[in-house]
C-alpha cells in the first residue's frame, strides 16, 4: 500500500542514502518510490523530475558543507579542526561531492570552510596575501590528502606490498624506520599530524616570496 503522506525532506533523505550507497547512476524515480513505499507520481509531485531531484541533492550538499564549525582553544587548533572536519565531510559523501563538482559549484561549496579559515588565520595575526596563502595551503593539503587516500583505497592489491619492500637495507640503515614503513599507514593520524605541522609552520614564519608577486600587504 502506498504511503498516504510524504514530505520533500523525506524524499531527499532517502535519495541521499541511495546516492551515498550506490552512486547517482543507480538512482531512479521508480527505485526511490519503492524504497519510500509510495507511488512514482508522489515523488514527482515533491521534487519534480530526476534532474530536479539531483539538483536538489547538490544544493543540499552545498548547504551541509557550510555547517563546519571550528573547535579548539587556539587559532592553530581551530584551523586543524576545520581541516579535519572538511576531510570527514568530504569522505562521507564522495558521490554527492562529485555531483557538486560536475555542476561547477565546488568553489561555492568550499567557501564556508575558507571563511572559517580566514577568521582563524586573522586571529593568529596573519593578514593579506600571507593569510590567503595559509588558507589555500590548508585547503589544498586537505583535498590533496583525500585524493591520495581515495586512490590508495581503490588501487589493486600491491605485490610486493610495503611490508615486503622495507628492510634496514632499503631504509638507509634505519631498522626502526623500516618497521614503521612496513606497517599500514593510519590515515587519520597521518592527516592530523601533517595538517598540524603545516599550520604550525604557516603561523610561525613568513610565506616564501614568489618572484614578481606580492606576498604581504
N, C-alpha and C. Protein backbone atom coordinates (compact mmCIF):
# COMPACT_ATOMS: atom_id res chain seq x y z
N UNK A 1 0.85 -1.20 0.00
CA UNK A 1 0.00 0.00 0.00
C UNK A 1 0.89 1.25 0.00
N UNK A 2 0.55 2.20 -0.85
CA UNK A 2 1.33 3.43 -0.91
C UNK A 2 1.11 4.27 0.33
N UNK A 3 2.14 5.02 0.71
CA UNK A 3 2.02 5.89 1.87
C UNK A 3 1.07 7.03 1.57
N UNK A 4 0.32 7.41 2.60
CA UNK A 4 -0.65 8.49 2.42
C UNK A 4 -0.02 9.86 2.60
N UNK A 5 1.12 9.94 3.28
CA UNK A 5 1.78 11.23 3.50
C UNK A 5 3.27 11.09 3.27
N UNK A 6 3.85 12.12 2.74
CA UNK A 6 5.27 12.12 2.42
C UNK A 6 5.72 13.57 2.35
N UNK A 7 6.94 13.84 2.80
CA UNK A 7 7.46 15.20 2.73
C UNK A 7 8.65 15.25 1.76
N UNK A 8 8.94 16.44 1.29
CA UNK A 8 10.08 16.64 0.40
C UNK A 8 11.38 16.23 1.09
N UNK A 9 11.50 16.56 2.38
CA UNK A 9 12.72 16.22 3.10
C UNK A 9 12.91 14.71 3.20
N UNK A 10 11.83 13.96 3.38
CA UNK A 10 11.93 12.50 3.42
C UNK A 10 12.41 11.97 2.07
N UNK A 11 11.89 12.54 0.99
CA UNK A 11 12.33 12.12 -0.34
C UNK A 11 13.82 12.38 -0.50
N UNK A 12 14.27 13.57 -0.11
CA UNK A 12 15.69 13.92 -0.25
C UNK A 12 16.56 13.08 0.67
N UNK A 13 16.08 12.80 1.88
CA UNK A 13 16.85 11.96 2.81
C UNK A 13 17.10 10.59 2.21
N UNK A 14 16.05 9.99 1.67
CA UNK A 14 16.17 8.64 1.11
C UNK A 14 17.01 8.64 -0.15
N UNK A 15 16.82 9.65 -0.99
CA UNK A 15 17.63 9.76 -2.21
C UNK A 15 19.11 9.93 -1.86
N UNK A 16 19.39 10.70 -0.81
CA UNK A 16 20.77 10.90 -0.37
C UNK A 16 21.40 9.58 0.05
N UNK A 17 20.67 8.79 0.81
CA UNK A 17 21.18 7.48 1.24
C UNK A 17 21.48 6.59 0.05
N UNK A 18 20.58 6.58 -0.93
CA UNK A 18 20.76 5.74 -2.11
C UNK A 18 21.98 6.18 -2.92
N UNK A 19 22.16 7.50 -3.07
CA UNK A 19 23.31 8.01 -3.82
C UNK A 19 24.61 7.71 -3.08
N UNK A 20 24.62 7.90 -1.77
CA UNK A 20 25.81 7.59 -0.99
C UNK A 20 26.18 6.12 -1.12
N UNK A 21 25.18 5.26 -1.19
CA UNK A 21 25.41 3.82 -1.20
C UNK A 21 25.79 3.31 -2.58
N UNK A 22 25.12 3.80 -3.62
CA UNK A 22 25.28 3.21 -4.95
C UNK A 22 25.72 4.19 -6.03
N UNK A 23 25.74 5.48 -5.75
CA UNK A 23 26.09 6.46 -6.76
C UNK A 23 24.86 6.97 -7.49
N UNK A 24 24.97 8.15 -8.13
CA UNK A 24 23.80 8.76 -8.77
C UNK A 24 23.26 7.96 -9.94
N UNK A 25 24.11 7.18 -10.61
CA UNK A 25 23.65 6.42 -11.77
C UNK A 25 22.63 5.36 -11.38
N UNK A 26 22.66 4.94 -10.12
CA UNK A 26 21.72 3.91 -9.67
C UNK A 26 20.42 4.50 -9.13
N UNK A 27 20.33 5.82 -9.07
CA UNK A 27 19.13 6.46 -8.52
C UNK A 27 18.07 6.61 -9.62
N UNK A 28 16.98 5.88 -9.48
CA UNK A 28 15.85 6.00 -10.40
C UNK A 28 14.61 6.42 -9.62
N UNK A 29 13.70 7.07 -10.29
CA UNK A 29 12.48 7.51 -9.62
C UNK A 29 11.66 6.31 -9.16
N UNK A 30 11.63 5.25 -9.97
CA UNK A 30 10.90 4.04 -9.59
C UNK A 30 11.52 3.37 -8.37
N UNK A 31 12.86 3.29 -8.39
CA UNK A 31 13.55 2.68 -7.25
C UNK A 31 13.38 3.50 -5.98
N UNK A 32 13.41 4.81 -6.11
CA UNK A 32 13.22 5.69 -4.96
C UNK A 32 11.82 5.55 -4.40
N UNK A 33 10.84 5.48 -5.30
CA UNK A 33 9.45 5.31 -4.86
C UNK A 33 9.28 3.99 -4.13
N UNK A 34 9.91 2.94 -4.63
CA UNK A 34 9.82 1.63 -3.97
C UNK A 34 10.45 1.68 -2.58
N UNK A 35 11.59 2.38 -2.49
CA UNK A 35 12.27 2.49 -1.19
C UNK A 35 11.40 3.23 -0.18
N UNK A 36 10.65 4.21 -0.65
CA UNK A 36 9.80 5.01 0.23
C UNK A 36 8.42 4.40 0.43
N UNK A 37 8.07 3.38 -0.37
CA UNK A 37 6.75 2.77 -0.26
C UNK A 37 5.65 3.69 -0.74
N UNK A 38 5.90 4.41 -1.83
CA UNK A 38 4.92 5.34 -2.36
C UNK A 38 4.87 5.23 -3.87
N UNK A 39 4.00 5.99 -4.48
CA UNK A 39 3.88 5.97 -5.94
C UNK A 39 4.90 6.91 -6.57
N UNK A 40 5.30 6.59 -7.80
CA UNK A 40 6.25 7.44 -8.52
C UNK A 40 5.69 8.84 -8.69
N UNK A 41 4.39 8.96 -8.92
CA UNK A 41 3.77 10.28 -9.09
C UNK A 41 3.95 11.14 -7.86
N UNK A 42 3.98 10.51 -6.69
CA UNK A 42 4.18 11.27 -5.45
C UNK A 42 5.59 11.85 -5.40
N UNK A 43 6.57 11.10 -5.89
CA UNK A 43 7.95 11.59 -5.94
C UNK A 43 8.03 12.80 -6.86
N UNK A 44 7.41 12.70 -8.04
CA UNK A 44 7.42 13.83 -8.98
C UNK A 44 6.75 15.06 -8.37
N UNK A 45 5.70 14.85 -7.63
CA UNK A 45 4.98 15.98 -7.04
C UNK A 45 5.86 16.74 -6.05
N UNK A 46 6.69 15.99 -5.30
CA UNK A 46 7.51 16.61 -4.25
C UNK A 46 8.81 17.22 -4.79
N UNK A 47 9.45 16.59 -5.78
CA UNK A 47 10.78 17.06 -6.19
C UNK A 47 10.91 17.28 -7.70
N UNK A 48 9.87 17.06 -8.47
CA UNK A 48 9.98 17.21 -9.91
C UNK A 48 10.60 15.98 -10.55
N UNK A 49 11.23 16.17 -11.71
CA UNK A 49 11.82 15.02 -12.40
C UNK A 49 13.18 14.65 -11.80
N UNK A 50 13.83 13.67 -12.41
CA UNK A 50 15.08 13.16 -11.85
C UNK A 50 16.16 14.24 -11.82
N UNK A 51 16.26 15.06 -12.88
CA UNK A 51 17.27 16.11 -12.89
C UNK A 51 17.02 17.14 -11.79
N UNK A 52 15.75 17.45 -11.56
CA UNK A 52 15.42 18.38 -10.48
C UNK A 52 15.78 17.78 -9.12
N UNK A 53 15.59 16.47 -8.99
CA UNK A 53 15.96 15.79 -7.76
C UNK A 53 17.46 15.86 -7.54
N UNK A 54 18.24 15.58 -8.59
CA UNK A 54 19.70 15.64 -8.46
C UNK A 54 20.16 17.05 -8.13
N UNK A 55 19.53 18.05 -8.75
CA UNK A 55 19.86 19.45 -8.44
C UNK A 55 19.59 19.76 -6.97
N UNK A 56 18.48 19.24 -6.46
CA UNK A 56 18.13 19.47 -5.05
C UNK A 56 19.15 18.80 -4.13
N UNK A 57 19.61 17.62 -4.51
CA UNK A 57 20.62 16.92 -3.70
C UNK A 57 21.93 17.70 -3.69
N UNK A 58 22.29 18.28 -4.83
CA UNK A 58 23.51 19.08 -4.92
C UNK A 58 23.39 20.31 -4.03
N UNK A 59 22.27 21.02 -4.11
CA UNK A 59 22.07 22.21 -3.28
C UNK A 59 22.11 21.85 -1.80
N UNK A 60 21.54 20.74 -1.45
CA UNK A 60 21.55 20.31 -0.05
C UNK A 60 22.96 19.98 0.39
N UNK A 61 23.74 19.34 -0.46
CA UNK A 61 25.13 19.01 -0.13
C UNK A 61 25.93 20.28 0.10
N UNK A 62 25.75 21.27 -0.77
CA UNK A 62 26.46 22.55 -0.61
C UNK A 62 26.10 23.18 0.73
N UNK A 63 24.83 23.15 1.10
CA UNK A 63 24.41 23.72 2.39
C UNK A 63 25.03 22.95 3.55
N UNK A 64 25.00 21.62 3.48
CA UNK A 64 25.55 20.81 4.56
C UNK A 64 27.04 21.04 4.74
N UNK A 65 27.76 21.26 3.65
CA UNK A 65 29.19 21.52 3.75
C UNK A 65 29.48 22.88 4.35
N UNK A 66 28.45 23.70 4.50
CA UNK A 66 28.62 25.01 5.12
C UNK A 66 28.39 25.02 6.61
N UNK A 67 28.21 23.84 7.20
CA UNK A 67 27.91 23.78 8.64
C UNK A 67 29.14 23.48 9.50
N UNK A 68 30.32 23.45 8.89
CA UNK A 68 31.54 23.19 9.66
C UNK A 68 31.78 24.30 10.69
N UNK A 69 32.08 23.93 11.91
CA UNK A 69 32.35 24.89 12.96
C UNK A 69 33.70 24.59 13.61
N UNK A 70 34.60 25.57 13.68
CA UNK A 70 35.91 25.34 14.30
C UNK A 70 35.76 25.00 15.78
N UNK A 71 36.70 24.21 16.28
CA UNK A 71 36.73 23.86 17.70
C UNK A 71 38.18 23.90 18.16
N UNK A 72 38.39 24.32 19.40
CA UNK A 72 39.74 24.38 19.94
C UNK A 72 39.99 25.68 20.67
N UNK A 73 41.05 25.73 21.46
CA UNK A 73 41.32 26.89 22.30
C UNK A 73 42.24 27.90 21.64
N UNK A 74 42.91 27.51 20.55
CA UNK A 74 43.84 28.42 19.88
C UNK A 74 43.49 28.48 18.40
N UNK A 75 43.92 29.54 17.69
CA UNK A 75 43.68 29.58 16.24
C UNK A 75 44.24 28.35 15.53
N UNK A 76 45.44 27.91 15.92
CA UNK A 76 46.05 26.74 15.26
C UNK A 76 45.17 25.51 15.45
N UNK A 77 44.69 25.28 16.67
CA UNK A 77 43.84 24.12 16.93
C UNK A 77 42.53 24.22 16.15
N UNK A 78 41.99 25.42 16.05
CA UNK A 78 40.74 25.58 15.33
C UNK A 78 40.93 25.39 13.82
N UNK A 79 42.07 25.83 13.29
CA UNK A 79 42.35 25.60 11.87
C UNK A 79 42.45 24.10 11.59
N UNK A 80 43.16 23.38 12.44
CA UNK A 80 43.27 21.93 12.29
C UNK A 80 41.89 21.28 12.37
N UNK A 81 41.03 21.78 13.25
CA UNK A 81 39.70 21.20 13.39
C UNK A 81 38.87 21.42 12.12
N UNK A 82 39.03 22.57 11.49
CA UNK A 82 38.33 22.82 10.23
C UNK A 82 38.80 21.84 9.16
N UNK A 83 40.11 21.66 9.06
CA UNK A 83 40.66 20.74 8.06
C UNK A 83 40.17 19.31 8.32
N UNK A 84 40.18 18.89 9.57
CA UNK A 84 39.73 17.53 9.88
C UNK A 84 38.24 17.38 9.59
N UNK A 85 37.46 18.40 9.93
CA UNK A 85 36.03 18.34 9.65
C UNK A 85 35.75 18.32 8.16
N UNK A 86 36.52 19.11 7.39
CA UNK A 86 36.33 19.14 5.95
C UNK A 86 36.65 17.79 5.34
N UNK A 87 37.75 17.18 5.75
CA UNK A 87 38.09 15.84 5.24
C UNK A 87 37.00 14.85 5.60
N UNK A 88 36.52 14.90 6.82
CA UNK A 88 35.49 13.96 7.27
C UNK A 88 34.22 14.09 6.42
N UNK A 89 33.79 15.32 6.19
CA UNK A 89 32.56 15.54 5.43
C UNK A 89 32.73 15.16 3.96
N UNK A 90 33.89 15.42 3.39
CA UNK A 90 34.14 15.04 2.01
C UNK A 90 34.17 13.53 1.86
N UNK A 91 34.78 12.86 2.82
CA UNK A 91 34.85 11.39 2.78
C UNK A 91 33.46 10.77 2.93
N UNK A 92 32.59 11.42 3.66
CA UNK A 92 31.28 10.83 3.97
C UNK A 92 30.34 10.83 2.76
N UNK A 93 30.62 11.65 1.74
CA UNK A 93 29.68 11.78 0.62
C UNK A 93 30.40 11.94 -0.72
N UNK A 94 31.26 11.00 -1.11
CA UNK A 94 32.04 11.17 -2.35
C UNK A 94 31.18 11.32 -3.61
N UNK A 95 30.11 10.55 -3.71
CA UNK A 95 29.27 10.64 -4.91
C UNK A 95 28.58 11.99 -4.99
N UNK A 96 28.12 12.49 -3.86
CA UNK A 96 27.46 13.79 -3.84
C UNK A 96 28.44 14.91 -4.14
N UNK A 97 29.65 14.80 -3.61
CA UNK A 97 30.68 15.81 -3.88
C UNK A 97 31.02 15.82 -5.37
N UNK A 98 31.07 14.64 -5.98
CA UNK A 98 31.33 14.56 -7.42
C UNK A 98 30.22 15.26 -8.20
N UNK A 99 28.98 15.12 -7.75
CA UNK A 99 27.86 15.79 -8.41
C UNK A 99 27.99 17.31 -8.28
N UNK A 100 28.40 17.77 -7.12
CA UNK A 100 28.62 19.21 -6.93
C UNK A 100 29.68 19.71 -7.90
N UNK A 101 30.77 18.95 -8.01
CA UNK A 101 31.87 19.34 -8.89
C UNK A 101 31.41 19.38 -10.35
N UNK A 102 30.64 18.37 -10.76
CA UNK A 102 30.18 18.30 -12.15
C UNK A 102 29.28 19.48 -12.51
N UNK A 103 28.61 20.05 -11.53
CA UNK A 103 27.73 21.19 -11.78
C UNK A 103 28.44 22.53 -11.59
N UNK A 104 29.74 22.50 -11.39
CA UNK A 104 30.51 23.73 -11.30
C UNK A 104 30.29 24.51 -10.02
N UNK A 105 29.98 23.82 -8.92
CA UNK A 105 29.68 24.51 -7.66
C UNK A 105 30.73 24.22 -6.58
N UNK A 106 31.87 23.70 -6.99
CA UNK A 106 32.89 23.33 -6.00
C UNK A 106 33.38 24.52 -5.20
N UNK A 107 33.65 25.64 -5.88
CA UNK A 107 34.17 26.80 -5.16
C UNK A 107 33.14 27.33 -4.17
N UNK A 108 31.88 27.35 -4.58
CA UNK A 108 30.83 27.78 -3.66
C UNK A 108 30.73 26.85 -2.46
N UNK A 109 30.90 25.55 -2.69
CA UNK A 109 30.83 24.58 -1.62
C UNK A 109 31.94 24.79 -0.59
N UNK A 110 33.14 25.15 -1.08
CA UNK A 110 34.28 25.32 -0.18
C UNK A 110 34.30 26.67 0.53
N UNK A 111 33.49 27.62 0.07
CA UNK A 111 33.56 28.97 0.61
C UNK A 111 33.36 29.03 2.13
N UNK A 112 32.36 28.35 2.71
CA UNK A 112 32.21 28.44 4.18
C UNK A 112 33.44 27.97 4.94
N UNK A 113 34.06 26.88 4.49
CA UNK A 113 35.28 26.40 5.16
C UNK A 113 36.40 27.41 5.00
N UNK A 114 36.51 28.01 3.81
CA UNK A 114 37.53 29.03 3.59
C UNK A 114 37.31 30.23 4.51
N UNK A 115 36.06 30.64 4.65
CA UNK A 115 35.77 31.80 5.52
C UNK A 115 36.09 31.48 6.98
N UNK A 116 35.82 30.24 7.39
CA UNK A 116 36.19 29.84 8.76
C UNK A 116 37.70 29.90 8.93
N UNK A 117 38.44 29.45 7.91
CA UNK A 117 39.90 29.50 7.98
C UNK A 117 40.40 30.95 7.98
N UNK A 118 39.77 31.80 7.18
CA UNK A 118 40.15 33.22 7.17
C UNK A 118 40.02 33.82 8.57
N UNK A 119 38.92 33.53 9.22
CA UNK A 119 38.70 34.07 10.57
C UNK A 119 39.83 33.63 11.51
N UNK A 120 40.23 32.37 11.40
CA UNK A 120 41.24 31.85 12.33
C UNK A 120 42.64 32.35 12.00
N UNK A 121 42.98 32.48 10.71
CA UNK A 121 44.31 33.00 10.40
C UNK A 121 44.40 34.47 10.77
N UNK A 122 43.28 35.19 10.67
CA UNK A 122 43.27 36.57 11.16
C UNK A 122 43.49 36.60 12.67
N UNK A 123 42.83 35.68 13.38
CA UNK A 123 43.01 35.62 14.84
C UNK A 123 44.45 35.30 15.21
N UNK A 124 45.15 34.58 14.31
CA UNK A 124 46.56 34.25 14.56
C UNK A 124 47.50 35.38 14.16
N UNK A 125 46.96 36.46 13.59
CA UNK A 125 47.78 37.62 13.26
C UNK A 125 48.19 37.73 11.81
N UNK A 126 47.75 36.82 10.96
CA UNK A 126 48.11 36.89 9.55
C UNK A 126 47.14 37.81 8.82
N UNK A 127 47.66 38.52 7.82
CA UNK A 127 46.84 39.42 7.02
C UNK A 127 47.26 39.34 5.55
N UNK A 128 46.39 39.82 4.68
CA UNK A 128 46.70 39.98 3.28
C UNK A 128 47.07 38.69 2.58
N UNK A 129 48.07 38.79 1.69
CA UNK A 129 48.45 37.65 0.87
C UNK A 129 48.97 36.49 1.72
N UNK A 130 49.62 36.82 2.86
CA UNK A 130 50.11 35.74 3.72
C UNK A 130 48.95 34.94 4.31
N UNK A 131 47.89 35.63 4.70
CA UNK A 131 46.71 34.95 5.21
C UNK A 131 46.05 34.12 4.11
N UNK A 132 45.97 34.68 2.89
CA UNK A 132 45.38 33.96 1.76
C UNK A 132 46.17 32.69 1.46
N UNK A 133 47.51 32.79 1.50
CA UNK A 133 48.36 31.62 1.23
C UNK A 133 48.13 30.54 2.27
N UNK A 134 47.95 30.94 3.53
CA UNK A 134 47.70 29.96 4.59
C UNK A 134 46.37 29.25 4.37
N UNK A 135 45.34 30.01 4.03
CA UNK A 135 44.02 29.41 3.79
C UNK A 135 44.10 28.40 2.65
N UNK A 136 44.74 28.78 1.56
CA UNK A 136 44.82 27.88 0.42
C UNK A 136 45.70 26.67 0.71
N UNK A 137 46.75 26.87 1.46
CA UNK A 137 47.63 25.75 1.79
C UNK A 137 46.87 24.69 2.58
N UNK A 138 46.07 25.11 3.54
CA UNK A 138 45.29 24.16 4.34
C UNK A 138 44.25 23.46 3.48
N UNK A 139 43.58 24.23 2.61
CA UNK A 139 42.58 23.62 1.74
C UNK A 139 43.22 22.62 0.78
N UNK A 140 44.32 23.01 0.15
CA UNK A 140 44.97 22.12 -0.81
C UNK A 140 45.51 20.87 -0.12
N UNK A 141 46.05 21.03 1.08
CA UNK A 141 46.55 19.88 1.83
C UNK A 141 45.41 18.91 2.12
N UNK A 142 44.27 19.44 2.52
CA UNK A 142 43.13 18.59 2.86
C UNK A 142 42.61 17.85 1.65
N UNK A 143 42.36 18.57 0.57
CA UNK A 143 41.82 17.93 -0.63
C UNK A 143 42.84 17.00 -1.27
N UNK A 144 44.11 17.43 -1.32
CA UNK A 144 45.14 16.59 -1.90
C UNK A 144 45.33 15.30 -1.12
N UNK A 145 45.33 15.39 0.20
CA UNK A 145 45.46 14.20 1.04
C UNK A 145 44.31 13.25 0.75
N UNK A 146 43.10 13.80 0.65
CA UNK A 146 41.92 12.97 0.41
C UNK A 146 42.01 12.26 -0.94
N UNK A 147 42.49 12.95 -1.97
CA UNK A 147 42.61 12.33 -3.28
C UNK A 147 43.61 11.17 -3.26
N UNK A 148 44.74 11.38 -2.60
CA UNK A 148 45.73 10.30 -2.47
C UNK A 148 45.13 9.14 -1.67
N UNK A 149 44.44 9.48 -0.60
CA UNK A 149 43.82 8.47 0.26
C UNK A 149 42.82 7.62 -0.53
N UNK A 150 41.96 8.27 -1.30
CA UNK A 150 40.95 7.55 -2.08
C UNK A 150 41.61 6.70 -3.17
N UNK A 151 42.67 7.21 -3.76
CA UNK A 151 43.37 6.46 -4.79
C UNK A 151 43.99 5.19 -4.22
N UNK A 152 44.56 5.30 -3.02
CA UNK A 152 45.15 4.12 -2.36
C UNK A 152 44.07 3.10 -2.01
N UNK A 153 42.92 3.58 -1.58
CA UNK A 153 41.83 2.67 -1.22
C UNK A 153 41.29 1.91 -2.42
N UNK A 154 41.33 2.54 -3.59
CA UNK A 154 40.77 1.93 -4.80
C UNK A 154 41.79 1.14 -5.61
N UNK A 155 43.06 1.27 -5.26
CA UNK A 155 44.10 0.61 -6.05
C UNK A 155 44.05 -0.90 -5.84
N UNK A 156 44.50 -1.67 -6.82
CA UNK A 156 44.54 -3.13 -6.66
C UNK A 156 45.55 -3.52 -5.59
N UNK A 157 45.42 -4.75 -5.11
CA UNK A 157 46.36 -5.26 -4.12
C UNK A 157 47.77 -5.22 -4.70
N UNK A 158 48.69 -4.65 -3.94
CA UNK A 158 50.05 -4.47 -4.42
C UNK A 158 50.91 -5.68 -4.09
N UNK A 159 51.68 -6.12 -5.06
CA UNK A 159 52.58 -7.25 -4.84
C UNK A 159 53.90 -6.97 -5.57
N UNK A 160 54.97 -6.73 -4.84
CA UNK A 160 55.06 -6.76 -3.37
C UNK A 160 54.44 -5.53 -2.74
N UNK A 161 54.00 -5.67 -1.49
CA UNK A 161 53.45 -4.56 -0.74
C UNK A 161 54.53 -3.85 0.07
N UNK A 162 54.09 -2.81 0.79
CA UNK A 162 55.06 -2.05 1.59
C UNK A 162 55.78 -2.94 2.59
N UNK A 163 55.07 -3.87 3.18
CA UNK A 163 55.68 -4.74 4.18
C UNK A 163 56.79 -5.61 3.62
N UNK A 164 56.73 -5.87 2.31
CA UNK A 164 57.75 -6.71 1.68
C UNK A 164 58.94 -5.89 1.19
N UNK A 165 58.74 -4.59 1.03
CA UNK A 165 59.77 -3.76 0.41
C UNK A 165 60.72 -3.12 1.40
N UNK A 166 60.26 -2.94 2.64
CA UNK A 166 61.08 -2.18 3.58
C UNK A 166 61.87 -3.09 4.52
N UNK A 167 63.17 -2.84 4.54
CA UNK A 167 64.10 -3.52 5.45
C UNK A 167 65.20 -2.52 5.75
N UNK A 168 66.07 -2.88 6.69
CA UNK A 168 67.15 -1.96 7.06
C UNK A 168 67.98 -1.57 5.85
N UNK A 169 68.13 -2.50 4.90
CA UNK A 169 68.96 -2.22 3.72
C UNK A 169 68.32 -1.21 2.78
N UNK A 170 66.99 -1.13 2.79
CA UNK A 170 66.31 -0.17 1.92
C UNK A 170 65.91 1.09 2.68
N UNK A 171 66.21 1.16 3.96
CA UNK A 171 65.83 2.31 4.78
C UNK A 171 67.04 3.06 5.28
N UNK A 172 68.12 3.03 4.52
CA UNK A 172 69.32 3.78 4.85
C UNK A 172 69.85 3.39 6.22
N UNK A 173 69.77 2.08 6.51
CA UNK A 173 70.32 1.59 7.76
C UNK A 173 69.51 1.93 8.99
N UNK A 174 68.23 2.23 8.83
CA UNK A 174 67.36 2.61 9.95
C UNK A 174 66.28 1.55 10.11
N UNK A 175 66.53 0.50 10.89
CA UNK A 175 65.56 -0.60 11.02
C UNK A 175 64.24 -0.17 11.64
N UNK A 176 64.27 0.79 12.57
CA UNK A 176 63.03 1.26 13.18
C UNK A 176 62.14 1.94 12.14
N UNK A 177 62.77 2.72 11.28
CA UNK A 177 62.04 3.37 10.20
C UNK A 177 61.47 2.32 9.25
N UNK A 178 62.24 1.29 8.94
CA UNK A 178 61.79 0.22 8.05
C UNK A 178 60.58 -0.48 8.63
N UNK A 179 60.63 -0.77 9.91
CA UNK A 179 59.48 -1.44 10.56
C UNK A 179 58.24 -0.56 10.51
N UNK A 180 58.44 0.74 10.74
CA UNK A 180 57.30 1.66 10.74
C UNK A 180 56.69 1.78 9.35
N UNK A 181 57.53 1.86 8.32
CA UNK A 181 57.02 1.99 6.96
C UNK A 181 56.43 0.69 6.44
N UNK A 182 56.81 -0.42 7.03
CA UNK A 182 56.25 -1.71 6.63
C UNK A 182 54.85 -1.92 7.18
N UNK A 183 54.51 -1.17 8.23
CA UNK A 183 53.16 -1.28 8.79
C UNK A 183 52.18 -0.43 7.99
N UNK A 184 50.90 -0.81 7.96
CA UNK A 184 49.91 0.01 7.25
C UNK A 184 49.83 1.40 7.86
N UNK A 185 49.65 2.38 7.01
CA UNK A 185 49.53 3.76 7.48
C UNK A 185 48.20 3.96 8.20
N UNK A 186 48.20 4.87 9.18
CA UNK A 186 46.98 5.28 9.87
C UNK A 186 46.56 6.62 9.28
N UNK A 187 45.63 6.64 8.31
CA UNK A 187 45.32 7.89 7.61
C UNK A 187 44.84 9.01 8.53
N UNK A 188 44.03 8.68 9.53
CA UNK A 188 43.52 9.72 10.43
C UNK A 188 44.66 10.41 11.18
N UNK A 189 45.55 9.60 11.72
CA UNK A 189 46.67 10.16 12.47
C UNK A 189 47.63 10.90 11.54
N UNK A 190 47.90 10.31 10.37
CA UNK A 190 48.81 10.95 9.43
C UNK A 190 48.26 12.29 8.96
N UNK A 191 46.95 12.36 8.71
CA UNK A 191 46.37 13.62 8.28
C UNK A 191 46.47 14.67 9.38
N UNK A 192 46.08 14.28 10.60
CA UNK A 192 46.13 15.23 11.71
C UNK A 192 47.55 15.74 11.93
N UNK A 193 48.53 14.84 11.90
CA UNK A 193 49.92 15.24 12.11
C UNK A 193 50.41 16.16 11.00
N UNK A 194 50.07 15.84 9.76
CA UNK A 194 50.56 16.64 8.63
C UNK A 194 49.93 18.02 8.63
N UNK A 195 48.63 18.10 8.92
CA UNK A 195 47.97 19.41 8.95
C UNK A 195 48.49 20.24 10.11
N UNK A 196 48.69 19.60 11.24
CA UNK A 196 49.19 20.32 12.41
C UNK A 196 50.58 20.90 12.13
N UNK A 197 51.44 20.09 11.51
CA UNK A 197 52.79 20.58 11.18
C UNK A 197 52.71 21.72 10.17
N UNK A 198 51.83 21.59 9.18
CA UNK A 198 51.67 22.64 8.18
C UNK A 198 51.21 23.93 8.83
N UNK A 199 50.21 23.84 9.69
CA UNK A 199 49.65 25.04 10.33
C UNK A 199 50.68 25.70 11.23
N UNK A 200 51.41 24.91 11.99
CA UNK A 200 52.43 25.48 12.87
C UNK A 200 53.47 26.23 12.06
N UNK A 201 53.85 25.67 10.92
CA UNK A 201 54.82 26.35 10.07
C UNK A 201 54.26 27.63 9.46
N UNK A 202 53.02 27.58 9.03
CA UNK A 202 52.40 28.75 8.42
C UNK A 202 52.25 29.90 9.40
N UNK A 203 51.92 29.58 10.63
CA UNK A 203 51.69 30.63 11.63
C UNK A 203 52.99 31.12 12.26
N UNK A 204 54.06 30.33 12.12
CA UNK A 204 55.31 30.69 12.80
C UNK A 204 56.19 31.61 11.99
N UNK A 205 56.14 31.51 10.68
CA UNK A 205 57.07 32.30 9.88
C UNK A 205 56.44 32.79 8.60
N UNK A 206 57.13 33.68 7.89
CA UNK A 206 56.58 34.24 6.65
C UNK A 206 56.51 33.22 5.54
N UNK A 207 55.54 33.38 4.66
CA UNK A 207 55.45 32.55 3.47
C UNK A 207 56.55 32.98 2.51
N UNK A 208 57.29 32.02 1.93
CA UNK A 208 58.37 32.40 0.99
C UNK A 208 57.83 33.26 -0.15
N UNK A 209 58.63 34.22 -0.55
CA UNK A 209 58.21 35.11 -1.62
C UNK A 209 58.20 34.39 -2.97
N UNK A 210 57.19 34.73 -3.77
CA UNK A 210 57.13 34.26 -5.14
C UNK A 210 57.64 35.39 -6.02
N UNK A 211 58.68 35.17 -6.83
CA UNK A 211 59.24 36.25 -7.65
C UNK A 211 58.18 36.96 -8.49
N UNK A 212 58.18 38.27 -8.43
CA UNK A 212 57.27 39.05 -9.26
C UNK A 212 55.89 39.23 -8.66
N UNK A 213 55.66 38.69 -7.46
CA UNK A 213 54.34 38.84 -6.84
C UNK A 213 54.49 39.34 -5.41
N UNK A 214 53.48 40.06 -4.96
CA UNK A 214 53.45 40.49 -3.56
C UNK A 214 53.08 39.31 -2.70
N UNK A 215 53.67 39.22 -1.52
CA UNK A 215 53.32 38.15 -0.59
C UNK A 215 52.73 38.68 0.68
N UNK A 216 52.64 39.95 0.85
CA UNK A 216 52.03 40.50 2.07
C UNK A 216 51.58 41.92 1.79
N UNK A 217 50.64 42.33 2.58
CA UNK A 217 50.16 43.72 2.46
C UNK A 217 50.77 44.56 3.59
